[in-house]
PDB file of N, CA and C in Angstrom:
ATOM      1  N   UNK A   1      -0.012 -12.786  -6.080  1.00  0.00           N
ATOM      2  CA  UNK A   1      -1.305 -12.074  -6.933  1.00  0.00           C
ATOM      3  C   UNK A   1      -2.442 -12.523  -6.321  1.00  0.00           C
ATOM      4  N   UNK A   2      -2.721 -13.806  -6.186  1.00  0.00           N
ATOM      5  CA  UNK A   2      -3.914 -14.212  -5.725  1.00  0.00           C
ATOM      6  C   UNK A   2      -4.314 -13.358  -4.451  1.00  0.00           C
ATOM      7  N   UNK A   3      -3.437 -13.219  -3.471  1.00  0.00           N
ATOM      8  CA  UNK A   3      -4.083 -12.723  -2.354  1.00  0.00           C
ATOM      9  C   UNK A   3      -4.338 -11.213  -2.780  1.00  0.00           C
ATOM     10  N   UNK A   4      -3.640 -10.557  -3.566  1.00  0.00           N
ATOM     11  CA  UNK A   4      -4.081  -9.040  -3.915  1.00  0.00           C
ATOM     12  C   UNK A   4      -5.418  -9.192  -4.654  1.00  0.00           C
ATOM     13  N   UNK A   5      -5.756 -10.324  -5.306  1.00  0.00           N
ATOM     14  CA  UNK A   5      -6.870 -10.414  -6.119  1.00  0.00           C
ATOM     15  C   UNK A   5      -7.985 -10.045  -4.824  1.00  0.00           C
ATOM     16  N   UNK A   6      -7.946 -11.209  -3.880  1.00  0.00           N
ATOM     17  CA  UNK A   6      -8.670 -11.545  -2.785  1.00  0.00           C
ATOM     18  C   UNK A   6      -8.890  -9.843  -1.965  1.00  0.00           C
ATOM     19  N   UNK A   7      -7.756  -9.285  -1.833  1.00  0.00           N
ATOM     20  CA  UNK A   7      -7.858  -7.892  -1.003  1.00  0.00           C
ATOM     21  C   UNK A   7      -8.578  -6.818  -1.876  1.00  0.00           C
ATOM     22  N   UNK A   8      -8.546  -6.951  -3.505  1.00  0.00           N
ATOM     23  CA  UNK A   8      -9.222  -5.825  -4.480  1.00  0.00           C
ATOM     24  C   UNK A   8     -10.677  -6.447  -4.520  1.00  0.00           C
ATOM     25  N   UNK A   9     -11.019  -7.313  -4.303  1.00  0.00           N
ATOM     26  CA  UNK A   9     -12.576  -7.962  -4.236  1.00  0.00           C
ATOM     27  C   UNK A   9     -13.212  -7.459  -2.820  1.00  0.00           C
ATOM     28  N   UNK A  10     -12.443  -7.350  -1.844  1.00  0.00           N
ATOM     29  CA  UNK A  10     -12.799  -6.559  -0.409  1.00  0.00           C
ATOM     30  C   UNK A  10     -12.810  -4.933  -0.576  1.00  0.00           C
ATOM     31  N   UNK A  11     -11.607  -4.212  -0.928  1.00  0.00           N
ATOM     32  CA  UNK A  11     -11.560  -3.275  -0.999  1.00  0.00           C
ATOM     33  C   UNK A  11     -11.190  -2.665  -2.578  1.00  0.00           C
ATOM     34  N   UNK A  12     -11.157  -1.348  -2.858  1.00  0.00           N
ATOM     35  CA  UNK A  12     -10.697  -1.145  -4.605  1.00  0.00           C
ATOM     36  C   UNK A  12      -9.332  -0.441  -3.807  1.00  0.00           C
ATOM     37  N   UNK A  13      -8.774  -0.420  -2.902  1.00  0.00           N
ATOM     38  CA  UNK A  13      -7.531   0.287  -2.431  1.00  0.00           C
ATOM     39  C   UNK A  13      -6.771  -0.660  -1.686  1.00  0.00           C
ATOM     40  N   UNK A  14      -5.515  -0.818  -1.996  1.00  0.00           N
ATOM     41  CA  UNK A  14      -4.397  -1.486  -1.110  1.00  0.00           C
ATOM     42  C   UNK A  14      -3.255  -0.578  -1.011  1.00  0.00           C
ATOM     43  N   UNK A  15      -3.238  -0.288  -0.036  1.00  0.00           N
ATOM     44  CA  UNK A  15      -2.208   0.445   0.737  1.00  0.00           C
ATOM     45  C   UNK A  15      -1.151  -0.013   1.671  1.00  0.00           C
ATOM     46  N   UNK A  16       0.240  -0.143   1.185  1.00  0.00           N
ATOM     47  CA  UNK A  16       0.865  -1.093   2.069  1.00  0.00           C
ATOM     48  C   UNK A  16       2.447  -0.674   2.215  1.00  0.00           C
ATOM     49  N   UNK A  17       3.139  -1.458   3.081  1.00  0.00           N
ATOM     50  CA  UNK A  17       4.380  -0.622   3.213  1.00  0.00           C
ATOM     51  C   UNK A  17       5.145  -1.913   2.712  1.00  0.00           C
ATOM     52  N   UNK A  18       6.282  -1.743   2.013  1.00  0.00           N
ATOM     53  CA  UNK A  18       7.380  -2.831   1.477  1.00  0.00           C
ATOM     54  C   UNK A  18       8.770  -2.228   1.120  1.00  0.00           C
ATOM     55  N   UNK A  19       9.607  -2.643   1.593  1.00  0.00           N
ATOM     56  CA  UNK A  19      10.973  -2.123   1.239  1.00  0.00           C
ATOM     57  C   UNK A  19      11.213  -2.540  -0.283  1.00  0.00           C
ATOM     58  N   UNK A  20      11.604  -1.624  -1.222  1.00  0.00           N
ATOM     59  CA  UNK A  20      12.123  -2.022  -2.855  1.00  0.00           C
ATOM     60  C   UNK A  20      13.403  -2.055  -2.657  1.00  0.00           C
ATOM     61  N   UNK A  21      13.865  -3.448  -3.448  1.00  0.00           N
ATOM     62  CA  UNK A  21      15.309  -3.776  -3.448  1.00  0.00           C
ATOM     63  C   UNK A  21      15.575  -3.763  -5.354  1.00  0.00           C
ATOM     64  N   UNK A  22      16.624  -3.666  -5.537  1.00  0.00           N
ATOM     65  CA  UNK A  22      17.062  -3.790  -6.868  1.00  0.00           C
ATOM     66  C   UNK A  22      17.933  -5.164  -7.019  1.00  0.00           C
ATOM     67  N   UNK A  23      17.768  -5.512  -8.178  1.00  0.00           N
ATOM     68  CA  UNK A  23      18.406  -6.717  -8.943  1.00  0.00           C
ATOM     69  C   UNK A  23      20.048  -6.657  -8.917  1.00  0.00           C
ATOM     70  N   UNK A  24      20.595  -7.648  -8.416  1.00  0.00           N
ATOM     71  CA  UNK A  24      20.283  -9.116  -7.749  1.00  0.00           C
ATOM     72  C   UNK A  24      19.926  -8.646  -6.270  1.00  0.00           C
ATOM     73  N   UNK A  25      18.880  -9.648  -5.733  1.00  0.00           N
ATOM     74  CA  UNK A  25      18.520  -9.728  -4.449  1.00  0.00           C
ATOM     75  C   UNK A  25      19.907  -9.813  -3.335  1.00  0.00           C
ATOM     76  N   UNK A  26      20.067  -8.943  -2.179  1.00  0.00           N
ATOM     77  CA  UNK A  26      20.878  -9.316  -1.519  1.00  0.00           C
ATOM     78  C   UNK A  26      21.084 -10.367  -1.211  1.00  0.00           C
ATOM     79  N   UNK A  27      22.243 -10.730  -1.037  1.00  0.00           N
ATOM     80  CA  UNK A  27      22.681 -11.826  -0.337  1.00  0.00           C
ATOM     81  C   UNK A  27      22.251 -12.200   1.194  1.00  0.00           C
ATOM     82  N   UNK A  28      21.721 -13.521   1.514  1.00  0.00           N
ATOM     83  CA  UNK A  28      21.467 -13.681   2.952  1.00  0.00           C
ATOM     84  C   UNK A  28      21.997 -13.052   3.872  1.00  0.00           C
ATOM     85  N   UNK A  29      23.323 -13.125   3.604  1.00  0.00           N
ATOM     86  CA  UNK A  29      24.091 -12.798   4.634  1.00  0.00           C
ATOM     87  C   UNK A  29      24.196 -11.265   4.999  1.00  0.00           C
ATOM     88  N   UNK A  30      23.896 -10.719   3.703  1.00  0.00           N
ATOM     89  CA  UNK A  30      23.774  -9.062   3.792  1.00  0.00           C
ATOM     90  C   UNK A  30      22.715  -8.457   4.259  1.00  0.00           C
ATOM     91  N   UNK A  31      21.436  -9.085   4.047  1.00  0.00           N
ATOM     92  CA  UNK A  31      20.123  -8.467   4.531  1.00  0.00           C
ATOM     93  C   UNK A  31      19.571  -8.574   6.059  1.00  0.00           C
ATOM     94  N   UNK A  32      19.509  -7.433   6.534  1.00  0.00           N
ATOM     95  CA  UNK A  32      18.876  -7.711   7.865  1.00  0.00           C
ATOM     96  C   UNK A  32      17.769  -8.354   7.967  1.00  0.00           C
ATOM     97  N   UNK A  33      16.682  -8.198   6.887  1.00  0.00           N
ATOM     98  CA  UNK A  33      15.684  -8.805   6.920  1.00  0.00           C
ATOM     99  C   UNK A  33      15.231 -10.346   7.039  1.00  0.00           C
ATOM    100  N   UNK A  34      16.374 -11.395   6.522  1.00  0.00           N
ATOM    101  CA  UNK A  34      16.437 -12.453   6.176  1.00  0.00           C
ATOM    102  C   UNK A  34      16.613 -13.095   7.845  1.00  0.00           C
ATOM    103  N   UNK A  35      15.443 -13.925   7.946  1.00  0.00           N
ATOM    104  CA  UNK A  35      15.348 -14.781   9.302  1.00  0.00           C
ATOM    105  C   UNK A  35      15.902 -16.105   9.128  1.00  0.00           C
ATOM    106  N   UNK A  36      17.363 -16.342   8.817  1.00  0.00           N
ATOM    107  CA  UNK A  36      17.678 -17.655   8.533  1.00  0.00           C
ATOM    108  C   UNK A  36      17.813 -18.762   9.664  1.00  0.00           C
ATOM    109  N   UNK A  37      17.808 -18.152  11.216  1.00  0.00           N
ATOM    110  CA  UNK A  37      17.925 -18.646  12.388  1.00  0.00           C
ATOM    111  C   UNK A  37      16.491 -19.199  12.731  1.00  0.00           C
ATOM    112  N   UNK A  38      15.519 -18.757  12.241  1.00  0.00           N
ATOM    113  CA  UNK A  38      14.056 -19.236  12.317  1.00  0.00           C
ATOM    114  C   UNK A  38      12.972 -19.278  11.371  1.00  0.00           C
ATOM    115  N   UNK A  39      13.801 -18.995   9.979  1.00  0.00           N
ATOM    116  CA  UNK A  39      12.636 -19.415   9.124  1.00  0.00           C
ATOM    117  C   UNK A  39      11.845 -18.410   8.680  1.00  0.00           C
ATOM    118  N   UNK A  40      12.050 -17.354   9.006  1.00  0.00           N
ATOM    119  CA  UNK A  40      11.025 -16.413   8.397  1.00  0.00           C
ATOM    120  C   UNK A  40      10.919 -16.075   6.985  1.00  0.00           C
ATOM    121  N   UNK A  41       9.659 -15.954   6.509  1.00  0.00           N
ATOM    122  CA  UNK A  41       9.267 -16.226   5.067  1.00  0.00           C
ATOM    123  C   UNK A  41       9.377 -14.479   4.967  1.00  0.00           C
ATOM    124  N   UNK A  42       9.659 -13.799   3.908  1.00  0.00           N
ATOM    125  CA  UNK A  42       9.554 -12.748   3.454  1.00  0.00           C
ATOM    126  C   UNK A  42       9.497 -12.467   2.159  1.00  0.00           C
ATOM    127  N   UNK A  43       8.996 -11.432   1.540  1.00  0.00           N
ATOM    128  CA  UNK A  43       8.840 -11.195   0.237  1.00  0.00           C
ATOM    129  C   UNK A  43       9.703  -9.793  -0.277  1.00  0.00           C
ATOM    130  N   UNK A  44      10.143 -10.178  -1.392  1.00  0.00           N
ATOM    131  CA  UNK A  44      11.067  -8.900  -1.901  1.00  0.00           C
ATOM    132  C   UNK A  44      10.355  -8.464  -3.325  1.00  0.00           C
ATOM    133  N   UNK A  45      10.254  -7.027  -3.227  1.00  0.00           N
ATOM    134  CA  UNK A  45       9.893  -6.636  -4.355  1.00  0.00           C
ATOM    135  C   UNK A  45      10.372  -5.414  -4.901  1.00  0.00           C
ATOM    136  N   UNK A  46      10.553  -5.741  -6.119  1.00  0.00           N
ATOM    137  CA  UNK A  46      11.192  -4.346  -7.356  1.00  0.00           C
ATOM    138  C   UNK A  46      10.146  -3.628  -7.538  1.00  0.00           C
ATOM    139  N   UNK A  47      10.498  -2.193  -7.957  1.00  0.00           N
ATOM    140  CA  UNK A  47       9.576  -1.296  -8.744  1.00  0.00           C
ATOM    141  C   UNK A  47       8.884  -1.935  -9.927  1.00  0.00           C
ATOM    142  N   UNK A  48       9.829  -2.694 -10.565  1.00  0.00           N
ATOM    143  CA  UNK A  48       9.053  -3.439 -11.933  1.00  0.00           C
ATOM    144  C   UNK A  48       8.336  -4.472 -11.502  1.00  0.00           C
ATOM    145  N   UNK A  49       8.360  -5.133 -10.250  1.00  0.00           N
ATOM    146  CA  UNK A  49       7.544  -5.927  -9.779  1.00  0.00           C
ATOM    147  C   UNK A  49       6.100  -5.645  -9.431  1.00  0.00           C
ATOM    148  N   UNK A  50       6.013  -4.379  -8.718  1.00  0.00           N
ATOM    149  CA  UNK A  50       4.842  -3.505  -8.402  1.00  0.00           C
ATOM    150  C   UNK A  50       4.190  -3.179  -9.649  1.00  0.00           C
ATOM    151  N   UNK A  51       5.052  -2.365 -10.491  1.00  0.00           N
ATOM    152  CA  UNK A  51       4.322  -2.189 -12.014  1.00  0.00           C
ATOM    153  C   UNK A  51       3.772  -3.336 -12.646  1.00  0.00           C
ATOM    154  N   UNK A  52       4.326  -4.748 -12.641  1.00  0.00           N
ATOM    155  CA  UNK A  52       3.697  -5.558 -13.325  1.00  0.00           C
ATOM    156  C   UNK A  52       2.384  -6.057 -12.833  1.00  0.00           C
ATOM    157  N   UNK A  53       2.500  -5.984 -11.276  1.00  0.00           N
ATOM    158  CA  UNK A  53       1.225  -6.418 -10.430  1.00  0.00           C
ATOM    159  C   UNK A  53       0.036  -5.587 -10.613  1.00  0.00           C
ATOM    160  N   UNK A  54       0.474  -4.127 -10.932  1.00  0.00           N
ATOM    161  CA  UNK A  54      -0.558  -3.097 -11.072  1.00  0.00           C
ATOM    162  C   UNK A  54      -1.181  -3.253 -12.669  1.00  0.00           C
ATOM    163  N   UNK A  55      -0.443  -3.646 -13.510  1.00  0.00           N
ATOM    164  CA  UNK A  55      -0.899  -3.939 -14.876  1.00  0.00           C
ATOM    165  C   UNK A  55      -1.680  -5.066 -14.827  1.00  0.00           C
ATOM    166  N   UNK A  56      -1.441  -6.122 -14.239  1.00  0.00           N
ATOM    167  CA  UNK A  56      -2.113  -7.241 -14.259  1.00  0.00           C
ATOM    168  C   UNK A  56      -3.090  -7.295 -13.639  1.00  0.00           C
ATOM    169  N   UNK A  57      -3.522  -6.342 -12.347  1.00  0.00           N
ATOM    170  CA  UNK A  57      -4.547  -6.307 -11.478  1.00  0.00           C
ATOM    171  C   UNK A  57      -5.685  -5.164 -12.006  1.00  0.00           C
ATOM    172  N   UNK A  58      -5.089  -4.763 -13.311  1.00  0.00           N
ATOM    173  CA  UNK A  58      -6.003  -3.536 -14.029  1.00  0.00           C
ATOM    174  C   UNK A  58      -5.782  -2.555 -12.755  1.00  0.00           C
ATOM    175  N   UNK A  59      -4.953  -1.892 -11.935  1.00  0.00           N
ATOM    176  CA  UNK A  59      -5.203  -0.906 -11.033  1.00  0.00           C
ATOM    177  C   UNK A  59      -3.956   0.076 -11.461  1.00  0.00           C
ATOM    178  N   UNK A  60      -3.758   1.359 -10.685  1.00  0.00           N
ATOM    179  CA  UNK A  60      -2.911   2.315 -10.728  1.00  0.00           C
ATOM    180  C   UNK A  60      -1.865   2.011  -9.745  1.00  0.00           C
ATOM    181  N   UNK A  61      -0.745   2.436 -10.103  1.00  0.00           N
ATOM    182  CA  UNK A  61       0.293   2.214  -8.703  1.00  0.00           C
ATOM    183  C   UNK A  61       0.843   3.386  -8.298  1.00  0.00           C
ATOM    184  N   UNK A  62       0.766   3.863  -7.154  1.00  0.00           N
ATOM    185  CA  UNK A  62       1.533   5.102  -6.804  1.00  0.00           C
ATOM    186  C   UNK A  62       2.467   4.751  -5.609  1.00  0.00           C
ATOM    187  N   UNK A  63       3.355   5.272  -5.794  1.00  0.00           N
ATOM    188  CA  UNK A  63       4.659   4.877  -4.458  1.00  0.00           C
ATOM    189  C   UNK A  63       5.346   6.343  -4.280  1.00  0.00           C
ATOM    190  N   UNK A  64       6.191   6.164  -3.173  1.00  0.00           N
ATOM    191  CA  UNK A  64       6.936   7.115  -2.827  1.00  0.00           C
ATOM    192  C   UNK A  64       8.311   6.473  -3.347  1.00  0.00           C
ATOM    193  N   UNK A  65       8.285   5.565  -4.109  1.00  0.00           N
ATOM    194  CA  UNK A  65       9.869   5.050  -4.613  1.00  0.00           C
ATOM    195  C   UNK A  65      10.683   4.281  -3.882  1.00  0.00           C
ATOM    196  N   UNK A  66      10.361   4.117  -2.328  1.00  0.00           N
ATOM    197  CA  UNK A  66      11.011   3.497  -1.379  1.00  0.00           C
ATOM    198  C   UNK A  66      10.412   2.459  -0.501  1.00  0.00           C
ATOM    199  N   UNK A  67       9.110   2.758   0.197  1.00  0.00           N
ATOM    200  CA  UNK A  67       8.662   1.672   1.156  1.00  0.00           C
ATOM    201  C   UNK A  67       6.894   1.748   1.469  1.00  0.00           C
ATOM    202  N   UNK A  68       6.402   2.988   0.413  1.00  0.00           N
ATOM    203  CA  UNK A  68       5.078   3.068   1.101  1.00  0.00           C
ATOM    204  C   UNK A  68       4.439   3.143  -0.558  1.00  0.00           C
ATOM    205  N   UNK A  69       3.543   2.182  -0.711  1.00  0.00           N
ATOM    206  CA  UNK A  69       2.523   2.075  -2.221  1.00  0.00           C
ATOM    207  C   UNK A  69       1.282   1.977  -1.626  1.00  0.00           C
ATOM    208  N   UNK A  70       0.556   2.425  -3.219  1.00  0.00           N
ATOM    209  CA  UNK A  70      -0.817   2.222  -2.758  1.00  0.00           C
ATOM    210  C   UNK A  70      -1.280   1.736  -4.182  1.00  0.00           C
ATOM    211  N   UNK A  71      -2.340   0.322  -4.466  1.00  0.00           N
ATOM    212  CA  UNK A  71      -2.576   0.293  -5.693  1.00  0.00           C
ATOM    213  C   UNK A  71      -4.258   0.499  -5.461  1.00  0.00           C
ATOM    214  N   UNK A  72      -4.851   1.203  -6.669  1.00  0.00           N
ATOM    215  CA  UNK A  72      -5.951   1.478  -6.500  1.00  0.00           C
ATOM    216  C   UNK A  72      -6.461   2.061  -8.416  1.00  0.00           C
ATOM    217  N   UNK A  73      -7.845   1.817  -8.387  1.00  0.00           N
ATOM    218  CA  UNK A  73      -8.335   2.169  -9.588  1.00  0.00           C
ATOM    219  C   UNK A  73      -8.267   3.547  -9.963  1.00  0.00           C
ATOM    220  N   UNK A  74      -8.329   4.478  -8.881  1.00  0.00           N
ATOM    221  CA  UNK A  74      -8.615   5.909  -8.957  1.00  0.00           C
ATOM    222  C   UNK A  74      -7.181   6.687  -9.489  1.00  0.00           C
ATOM    223  N   UNK A  75      -7.654   7.435 -10.253  1.00  0.00           N
ATOM    224  CA  UNK A  75      -6.277   8.501 -10.835  1.00  0.00           C
ATOM    225  C   UNK A  75      -5.853   9.273  -9.740  1.00  0.00           C
ATOM    226  N   UNK A  76      -4.788   9.718  -9.617  1.00  0.00           N
ATOM    227  CA  UNK A  76      -4.183  10.667  -8.766  1.00  0.00           C
ATOM    228  C   UNK A  76      -2.850  10.902  -9.680  1.00  0.00           C
ATOM    229  N   UNK A  77      -2.212  12.027  -9.051  1.00  0.00           N
ATOM    230  CA  UNK A  77      -0.945  12.670  -9.366  1.00  0.00           C
ATOM    231  C   UNK A  77       0.007  12.094  -8.553  1.00  0.00           C
ATOM    232  N   UNK A  78       0.996  11.410  -8.717  1.00  0.00           N
ATOM    233  CA  UNK A  78       2.094  10.924  -8.138  1.00  0.00           C
ATOM    234  C   UNK A  78       2.591  11.833  -6.998  1.00  0.00           C
ATOM    235  N   UNK A  79       2.732  12.924  -7.449  1.00  0.00           N
ATOM    236  CA  UNK A  79       3.194  13.966  -6.615  1.00  0.00           C
ATOM    237  C   UNK A  79       2.363  14.260  -5.571  1.00  0.00           C
ATOM    238  N   UNK A  80       1.049  14.615  -6.060  1.00  0.00           N
ATOM    239  CA  UNK A  80      -0.030  14.586  -4.601  1.00  0.00           C
ATOM    240  C   UNK A  80       0.115  13.413  -3.728  1.00  0.00           C
ATOM    241  N   UNK A  81       0.343  12.030  -4.199  1.00  0.00           N
ATOM    242  CA  UNK A  81       0.409  10.892  -3.122  1.00  0.00           C
ATOM    243  C   UNK A  81       1.472  11.338  -2.782  1.00  0.00           C
ATOM    244  N   UNK A  82       2.905  11.800  -3.031  1.00  0.00           N
ATOM    245  CA  UNK A  82       4.155  11.872  -2.217  1.00  0.00           C
ATOM    246  C   UNK A  82       4.083  12.967  -1.196  1.00  0.00           C
ATOM    247  N   UNK A  83       3.209  14.099  -1.709  1.00  0.00           N
ATOM    248  CA  UNK A  83       2.707  15.229  -0.706  1.00  0.00           C
ATOM    249  C   UNK A  83       1.876  14.601   0.430  1.00  0.00           C
ATOM    250  N   UNK A  84       1.066  13.893   0.412  1.00  0.00           N
ATOM    251  CA  UNK A  84       0.083  13.480   1.368  1.00  0.00           C
ATOM    252  C   UNK A  84       0.909  12.702   2.418  1.00  0.00           C
ATOM    253  N   UNK A  85       2.102  12.092   1.603  1.00  0.00           N
ATOM    254  CA  UNK A  85       2.750  10.984   2.843  1.00  0.00           C
ATOM    255  C   UNK A  85       3.586  11.967   3.469  1.00  0.00           C
ATOM    256  N   UNK A  86       3.923  13.006   2.853  1.00  0.00           N
ATOM    257  CA  UNK A  86       5.095  14.137   3.757  1.00  0.00           C
ATOM    258  C   UNK A  86       4.226  14.712   4.893  1.00  0.00           C
ATOM    259  N   UNK A  87       2.880  14.785   4.372  1.00  0.00           N
ATOM    260  CA  UNK A  87       1.878  15.729   5.398  1.00  0.00           C
ATOM    261  C   UNK A  87       1.475  14.899   6.592  1.00  0.00           C
ATOM    262  N   UNK A  88       1.635  13.778   6.547  1.00  0.00           N
ATOM    263  CA  UNK A  88       1.181  12.849   7.333  1.00  0.00           C
ATOM    264  C   UNK A  88       1.983  13.012   8.858  1.00  0.00           C
ATOM    265  N   UNK A  89       3.028  13.348   8.984  1.00  0.00           N
ATOM    266  CA  UNK A  89       3.542  13.758  10.421  1.00  0.00           C
ATOM    267  C   UNK A  89       3.011  14.898  10.757  1.00  0.00           C
ATOM    268  N   UNK A  90       2.531  15.740  10.311  1.00  0.00           N
ATOM    269  CA  UNK A  90       2.106  17.360  10.165  1.00  0.00           C
ATOM    270  C   UNK A  90       0.768  17.381  10.637  1.00  0.00           C
ATOM    271  N   UNK A  91      -0.207  16.154  10.916  1.00  0.00           N
ATOM    272  CA  UNK A  91      -1.323  15.933  11.439  1.00  0.00           C
ATOM    273  C   UNK A  91      -2.305  16.120  10.371  1.00  0.00           C
ATOM    274  N   UNK A  92      -2.292  15.327   9.208  1.00  0.00           N
ATOM    275  CA  UNK A  92      -2.987  15.110   7.996  1.00  0.00           C
ATOM    276  C   UNK A  92      -3.887  14.154   8.511  1.00  0.00           C
ATOM    277  N   UNK A  93      -3.460  13.190   9.357  1.00  0.00           N
ATOM    278  CA  UNK A  93      -4.679  12.580   9.982  1.00  0.00           C
ATOM    279  C   UNK A  93      -5.913  12.921  10.654  1.00  0.00           C
ATOM    280  N   UNK A  94      -5.616  13.927  11.566  1.00  0.00           N
ATOM    281  CA  UNK A  94      -6.265  14.546  12.124  1.00  0.00           C
ATOM    282  C   UNK A  94      -7.094  15.610  11.651  1.00  0.00           C
ATOM    283  N   UNK A  95      -6.617  16.141  10.350  1.00  0.00           N
ATOM    284  CA  UNK A  95      -7.211  17.053   9.349  1.00  0.00           C
ATOM    285  C   UNK A  95      -8.170  16.296   8.791  1.00  0.00           C
ATOM    286  N   UNK A  96      -8.007  15.046   7.875  1.00  0.00           N
ATOM    287  CA  UNK A  96      -9.071  14.384   7.440  1.00  0.00           C
ATOM    288  C   UNK A  96     -10.212  13.650   8.132  1.00  0.00           C
ATOM    289  N   UNK A  97      -9.912  13.440   9.380  1.00  0.00           N
ATOM    290  CA  UNK A  97     -10.746  13.065  10.279  1.00  0.00           C
ATOM    291  C   UNK A  97     -11.739  14.126  10.640  1.00  0.00           C
ATOM    292  N   UNK A  98     -11.839  15.177  10.911  1.00  0.00           N
ATOM    293  CA  UNK A  98     -12.228  16.418  11.101  1.00  0.00           C
ATOM    294  C   UNK A  98     -12.896  17.143   9.809  1.00  0.00           C
ATOM    295  N   UNK A  99     -12.547  16.875   8.906  1.00  0.00           N
ATOM    296  CA  UNK A  99     -13.115  17.064   7.461  1.00  0.00           C
ATOM    297  C   UNK A  99     -14.169  16.367   7.098  1.00  0.00           C
ATOM    298  N   UNK A 100     -13.844  15.118   7.302  1.00  0.00           N
ATOM    299  CA  UNK A 100     -14.807  14.020   6.854  1.00  0.00           C
ATOM    300  C   UNK A 100     -15.804  13.873   7.880  1.00  0.00           C
ATOM    301  N   UNK A 101     -17.276  13.699   7.521  1.00  0.00           N
ATOM    302  CA  UNK A 101     -18.435  13.687   7.953  1.00  0.00           C
ATOM    303  C   UNK A 101     -18.617  11.902   8.712  1.00  0.00           C
ATOM    304  N   UNK A 102     -18.598  12.120  10.070  1.00  0.00           N
ATOM    305  CA  UNK A 102     -18.877  10.548  10.536  1.00  0.00           C
ATOM    306  C   UNK A 102     -19.860   9.783   9.894  1.00  0.00           C
ATOM    307  N   UNK A 103     -19.783   8.532  10.199  1.00  0.00           N
ATOM    308  CA  UNK A 103     -20.914   7.818   9.194  1.00  0.00           C
ATOM    309  C   UNK A 103     -21.227   6.882  10.514  1.00  0.00           C
ATOM    310  N   UNK A 104     -20.974   6.581  11.637  1.00  0.00           N
ATOM    311  CA  UNK A 104     -21.198   5.631  12.455  1.00  0.00           C
ATOM    312  C   UNK A 104     -23.033   5.409  12.496  1.00  0.00           C
ATOM    313  N   UNK A 105     -23.504   6.597  12.756  1.00  0.00           N
ATOM    314  CA  UNK A 105     -24.868   6.660  12.872  1.00  0.00           C
ATOM    315  C   UNK A 105     -25.668   6.065  11.597  1.00  0.00           C
ATOM    316  N   UNK A 106     -25.171   6.566  10.606  1.00  0.00           N
ATOM    317  CA  UNK A 106     -25.574   6.438   9.114  1.00  0.00           C
ATOM    318  C   UNK A 106     -25.382   4.919   8.877  1.00  0.00           C
ATOM    319  N   UNK A 107     -24.128   4.238   9.025  1.00  0.00           N
ATOM    320  CA  UNK A 107     -23.854   2.939   8.862  1.00  0.00           C
ATOM    321  C   UNK A 107     -24.710   2.082   9.670  1.00  0.00           C
ATOM    322  N   UNK A 108     -25.023   2.313  11.315  1.00  0.00           N
ATOM    323  CA  UNK A 108     -25.756   1.520  11.958  1.00  0.00           C
ATOM    324  C   UNK A 108     -27.155   1.532  11.432  1.00  0.00           C
ATOM    325  N   UNK A 109     -27.777   2.791  11.162  1.00  0.00           N
ATOM    326  CA  UNK A 109     -29.142   2.703  10.129  1.00  0.00           C
ATOM    327  C   UNK A 109     -29.108   1.801   9.161  1.00  0.00           C
ATOM    328  N   UNK A 110     -28.085   1.564   8.253  1.00  0.00           N
ATOM    329  CA  UNK A 110     -28.256   0.901   7.287  1.00  0.00           C
ATOM    330  C   UNK A 110     -28.177  -0.659   7.347  1.00  0.00           C
ATOM    331  N   UNK A 111     -27.389  -1.070   8.642  1.00  0.00           N
ATOM    332  CA  UNK A 111     -27.218  -2.325   8.892  1.00  0.00           C
ATOM    333  C   UNK A 111     -28.671  -2.639   9.607  1.00  0.00           C
ATOM    334  N   UNK A 112     -29.657  -1.905   9.598  1.00  0.00           N
ATOM    335  CA  UNK A 112     -31.075  -2.154  10.022  1.00  0.00           C
ATOM    336  C   UNK A 112     -32.122  -2.680   9.163  1.00  0.00           C
ATOM    337  N   UNK A 113     -31.445  -2.200   7.849  1.00  0.00           N
ATOM    338  CA  UNK A 113     -32.478  -2.288   6.588  1.00  0.00           C
ATOM    339  C   UNK A 113     -31.866  -3.570   6.261  1.00  0.00           C
TER     340      UNK A 113
END
């Protein structure tokens, strides 16, 4: 939670990927993500945990219910969030890049003031 608070102090949006699990947590011998031989540290999240985090951080949670999540203070329909995720393989990033005005020069000018 402390790291999430730090991230929200820098950006109002946290977009992340994390596989959700249900209770009880899988036994170490059953999970491919456990790194018992090298001591890998992982975090496991349930949907309830992400909802709790969103409430505690006073943000909204948008999720595909599987592995892509967004914490943000903005309002959005979760169906829209999932539609945008489905459009990504079909060039949505290219569309957004071309539709948005580039701000490189503007940002440069701001840095001089």
